[in-house]
C-alpha atoms as a PDB file:
ATOM      1  CA  MET A   1      -2.955 -14.808  14.406  1.00  0.00           C
ATOM      2  CA  ALA A   2      -1.284 -16.288  11.326  1.00  0.00           C
ATOM      3  CA  SER A   3      -3.308 -18.203   8.792  1.00  0.00           C
ATOM      4  CA  HIS A   4      -2.355 -21.855   8.773  1.00  0.00           C
ATOM      5  CA  LEU A   5      -2.788 -23.095   5.230  1.00  0.00           C
ATOM      6  CA  SER A   6      -1.553 -26.478   4.181  1.00  0.00           C
ATOM      7  CA  VAL A   7       1.306 -26.555   1.694  1.00  0.00           C
ATOM      8  CA  THR A   8      -1.136 -27.873  -0.913  1.00  0.00           C
ATOM      9  CA  ASP A   9      -3.527 -24.959  -0.288  1.00  0.00           C
ATOM     10  CA  GLN A  10      -0.695 -22.445  -0.610  1.00  0.00           C
ATOM     11  CA  ARG A  11       0.703 -23.925  -3.825  1.00  0.00           C
ATOM     12  CA  ALA A  12      -2.759 -24.339  -5.376  1.00  0.00           C
ATOM     13  CA  ALA A  13      -3.520 -20.625  -5.106  1.00  0.00           C
ATOM     14  CA  ILE A  14      -3.421 -19.024  -8.556  1.00  0.00           C
ATOM     15  CA  ARG A  15      -0.508 -16.627  -8.819  1.00  0.00           C
ATOM     16  CA  HIS A  16      -0.864 -13.499 -10.922  1.00  0.00           C
ATOM     17  CA  PRO A  17       2.220 -11.833 -12.415  1.00  0.00           C
ATOM     18  CA  VAL A  18       2.561  -8.205 -11.312  1.00  0.00           C
ATOM     19  CA  ASP A  19       5.192  -5.468 -11.372  1.00  0.00           C
ATOM     20  CA  TYR A  20       4.605  -3.685  -8.072  1.00  0.00           C
ATOM     21  CA  ASN A  21       7.146  -1.651  -6.105  1.00  0.00           C
ATOM     22  CA  VAL A  22       6.283  -0.929  -2.488  1.00  0.00           C
ATOM     23  CA  ILE A  23       8.030   0.029   0.731  1.00  0.00           C
ATOM     24  CA  ALA A  24       7.440  -2.707   3.302  1.00  0.00           C
ATOM     25  CA  ASP A  25       7.592  -2.152   7.043  1.00  0.00           C
ATOM     26  CA  TYR A  26       9.944  -5.039   7.850  1.00  0.00           C
ATOM     27  CA  LEU A  27       9.560  -5.598  11.577  1.00  0.00           C
ATOM     28  CA  GLY A  28      12.990  -5.389  13.175  1.00  0.00           C
ATOM     29  CA  ARG A  29      14.636  -3.876  10.064  1.00  0.00           C
ATOM     30  CA  GLY A  30      12.557  -0.797   9.249  1.00  0.00           C
ATOM     31  CA  ASP A  31      11.482   0.269   5.765  1.00  0.00           C
ATOM     32  CA  VAL A  32      12.611  -2.054   2.959  1.00  0.00           C
ATOM     33  CA  ASP A  33      11.985  -1.698  -0.786  1.00  0.00           C
ATOM     34  CA  PHE A  34      10.100  -4.692  -2.215  1.00  0.00           C
ATOM     35  CA  HIS A  35       9.505  -5.539  -5.856  1.00  0.00           C
ATOM     36  CA  ILE A  36       6.519  -7.888  -5.926  1.00  0.00           C
ATOM     37  CA  SER A  37       6.584 -10.073  -9.035  1.00  0.00           C
ATOM     38  CA  ASN A  38       3.566 -12.282  -8.347  1.00  0.00           C
ATOM     39  CA  ILE A  39       0.645 -12.374  -5.968  1.00  0.00           C
ATOM     40  CA  SER A  40      -2.189 -14.693  -4.960  1.00  0.00           C
ATOM     41  CA  ALA A  41      -5.012 -14.487  -2.429  1.00  0.00           C
ATOM     42  CA  THR A  42      -2.719 -16.208   0.094  1.00  0.00           C
ATOM     43  CA  GLY A  43       0.593 -14.399  -0.418  1.00  0.00           C
ATOM     44  CA  PHE A  44       3.181 -12.865  -2.723  1.00  0.00           C
ATOM     45  CA  MET A  45       6.714 -13.270  -4.027  1.00  0.00           C
ATOM     46  CA  ILE A  46       9.417 -10.632  -4.237  1.00  0.00           C
ATOM     47  CA  ASP A  47      12.414 -10.846  -6.545  1.00  0.00           C
ATOM     48  CA  ASN A  48      14.745  -8.430  -4.755  1.00  0.00           C
ATOM     49  CA  ALA A  49      15.130 -10.124  -1.359  1.00  0.00           C
ATOM     50  CA  GLN A  50      18.147  -9.211   0.739  1.00  0.00           C
ATOM     51  CA  GLY A  51      18.373 -11.616   3.630  1.00  0.00           C
ATOM     52  CA  GLY A  52      15.692 -12.393   6.160  1.00  0.00           C
ATOM     53  CA  GLY A  53      14.638 -15.554   7.894  1.00  0.00           C
ATOM     54  CA  ARG A  54      11.629 -17.813   7.928  1.00  0.00           C
ATOM     55  CA  GLY A  55       8.898 -16.316  10.106  1.00  0.00           C
ATOM     56  CA  ASP A  56      10.008 -12.683   9.650  1.00  0.00           C
ATOM     57  CA  ARG A  57       7.010 -10.338   9.621  1.00  0.00           C
ATOM     58  CA  VAL A  58       6.337  -7.480   7.226  1.00  0.00           C
ATOM     59  CA  ILE A  59       3.489  -5.049   6.703  1.00  0.00           C
ATOM     60  CA  VAL A  60       2.764  -4.121   3.093  1.00  0.00           C
ATOM     61  CA  SER A  61       0.161  -1.783   1.560  1.00  0.00           C
ATOM     62  CA  PHE A  62      -1.809  -2.789  -1.508  1.00  0.00           C
ATOM     63  CA  PRO A  63      -4.559  -1.037  -3.469  1.00  0.00           C
ATOM     64  CA  VAL A  64      -8.079  -1.934  -2.302  1.00  0.00           C
ATOM     65  CA  ILE A  65      -7.062  -4.084   0.706  1.00  0.00           C
ATOM     66  CA  GLY A  66      -4.755  -1.534   2.355  1.00  0.00           C
ATOM     67  CA  ARG A  67      -2.157  -2.611   4.912  1.00  0.00           C
ATOM     68  CA  ILE A  68      -1.748  -6.321   5.558  1.00  0.00           C
ATOM     69  CA  GLU A  69       0.759  -8.334   7.548  1.00  0.00           C
ATOM     70  CA  ALA A  70       2.640 -11.235   5.961  1.00  0.00           C
ATOM     71  CA  TYR A  71       5.185 -13.815   7.096  1.00  0.00           C
ATOM     72  CA  LEU A  72       8.317 -14.953   5.271  1.00  0.00           C
ATOM     73  CA  ILE A  73       7.787 -18.600   4.313  1.00  0.00           C
ATOM     74  CA  TRP A  74      10.766 -19.298   2.045  1.00  0.00           C
ATOM     75  CA  SER A  75      13.723 -17.589   0.383  1.00  0.00           C
ATOM     76  CA  LYS A  76      16.174 -18.604  -2.315  1.00  0.00           C
ATOM     77  CA  ASP A  77      18.808 -16.358  -3.859  1.00  0.00           C
ATOM     78  CA  ASN A  78      17.067 -13.003  -4.456  1.00  0.00           C
ATOM     79  CA  ARG A  79      13.496 -14.384  -4.266  1.00  0.00           C
ATOM     80  CA  ALA A  80      11.302 -14.733  -1.196  1.00  0.00           C
ATOM     81  CA  GLY A  81       7.742 -15.894  -0.620  1.00  0.00           C
ATOM     82  CA  PHE A  82       5.430 -14.367   1.972  1.00  0.00           C
ATOM     83  CA  GLN A  83       2.109 -15.673   3.287  1.00  0.00           C
ATOM     84  CA  PHE A  84      -0.604 -13.186   4.245  1.00  0.00           C
ATOM     85  CA  GLU A  85      -1.806 -13.332   7.849  1.00  0.00           C
ATOM     86  CA  ARG A  86      -5.317 -13.736   6.444  1.00  0.00           C
ATOM     87  CA  ILE A  87      -6.824 -14.760   3.128  1.00  0.00           C
ATOM     88  CA  ILE A  88      -8.017 -11.846   1.002  1.00  0.00           C
ATOM     89  CA  ARG A  89     -11.697 -11.847   0.003  1.00  0.00           C
ATOM     90  CA  VAL A  90     -12.159 -12.854  -3.634  1.00  0.00           C
ATOM     91  CA  ASP A  91     -13.949  -9.667  -4.727  1.00  0.00           C
ATOM     92  CA  ASP A  92     -11.289  -7.464  -3.083  1.00  0.00           C
ATOM     93  CA  PHE A  93      -8.506  -9.577  -4.582  1.00  0.00           C
ATOM     94  CA  LEU A  94      -9.918  -9.332  -8.119  1.00  0.00           C
ATOM     95  CA  GLU A  95     -10.332  -5.568  -7.801  1.00  0.00           C
ATOM     96  CA  MET A  96      -6.759  -5.296  -6.504  1.00  0.00           C
ATOM     97  CA  ILE A  97      -5.433  -7.358  -9.448  1.00  0.00           C
ATOM     98  CA  ASP A  98      -7.249  -5.045 -11.867  1.00  0.00           C
ATOM     99  CA  GLN A  99      -5.300  -2.134 -10.365  1.00  0.00           C
ATOM    100  CA  LEU A 100      -1.941  -3.912 -10.055  1.00  0.00           C
ATOM    101  CA  GLN A 101      -2.130  -5.468 -13.517  1.00  0.00           C
ATOM    102  CA  PRO A 102      -3.705  -2.865 -15.808  1.00  0.00           C
ATOM    103  CA  ASN A 103      -2.926  -4.794 -19.030  1.00  0.00           C
ATOM    104  CA  PRO A 104      -5.890  -7.196 -19.417  1.00  0.00           C
ATOM    105  CA  ARG A 105      -3.841  -9.541 -21.639  1.00  0.00           C
ATOM    106  CA  LEU A 106      -1.578 -10.336 -18.665  1.00  0.00           C
ATOM    107  CA  ARG A 107      -4.464 -11.194 -16.346  1.00  0.00           C
ATOM    108  CA  ARG A 108      -5.401 -14.816 -15.866  1.00  0.00           C
ATOM    109  CA  ARG A 109      -8.864 -15.857 -17.019  1.00  0.00           C
ATOM    110  CA  ARG A 110     -11.480 -15.794 -14.291  1.00  0.00           C
END
């Protein structure tokens, strides 16, 4: 079941800049290379999108949280935003950010 966050909830989530390459299981298209440029507890943005439509589903693996399903919410040019099917627990999210963003100067204050 997809999480149903309001637009305000989605936009209010703090986004953390990351530089994370991963192979996504893009349902209906197979394996697709993603470059994730920012992430929040509710979703992520890629900056190397190549097509796709609203509602497309992907499965992506992250440190700490493992595999998680996400849905394409928007796309523009080579960018696309995905919403996680569930909200990530705060402690798991912070630990994941520590691994994805090893330079402490780039991390947002907590």
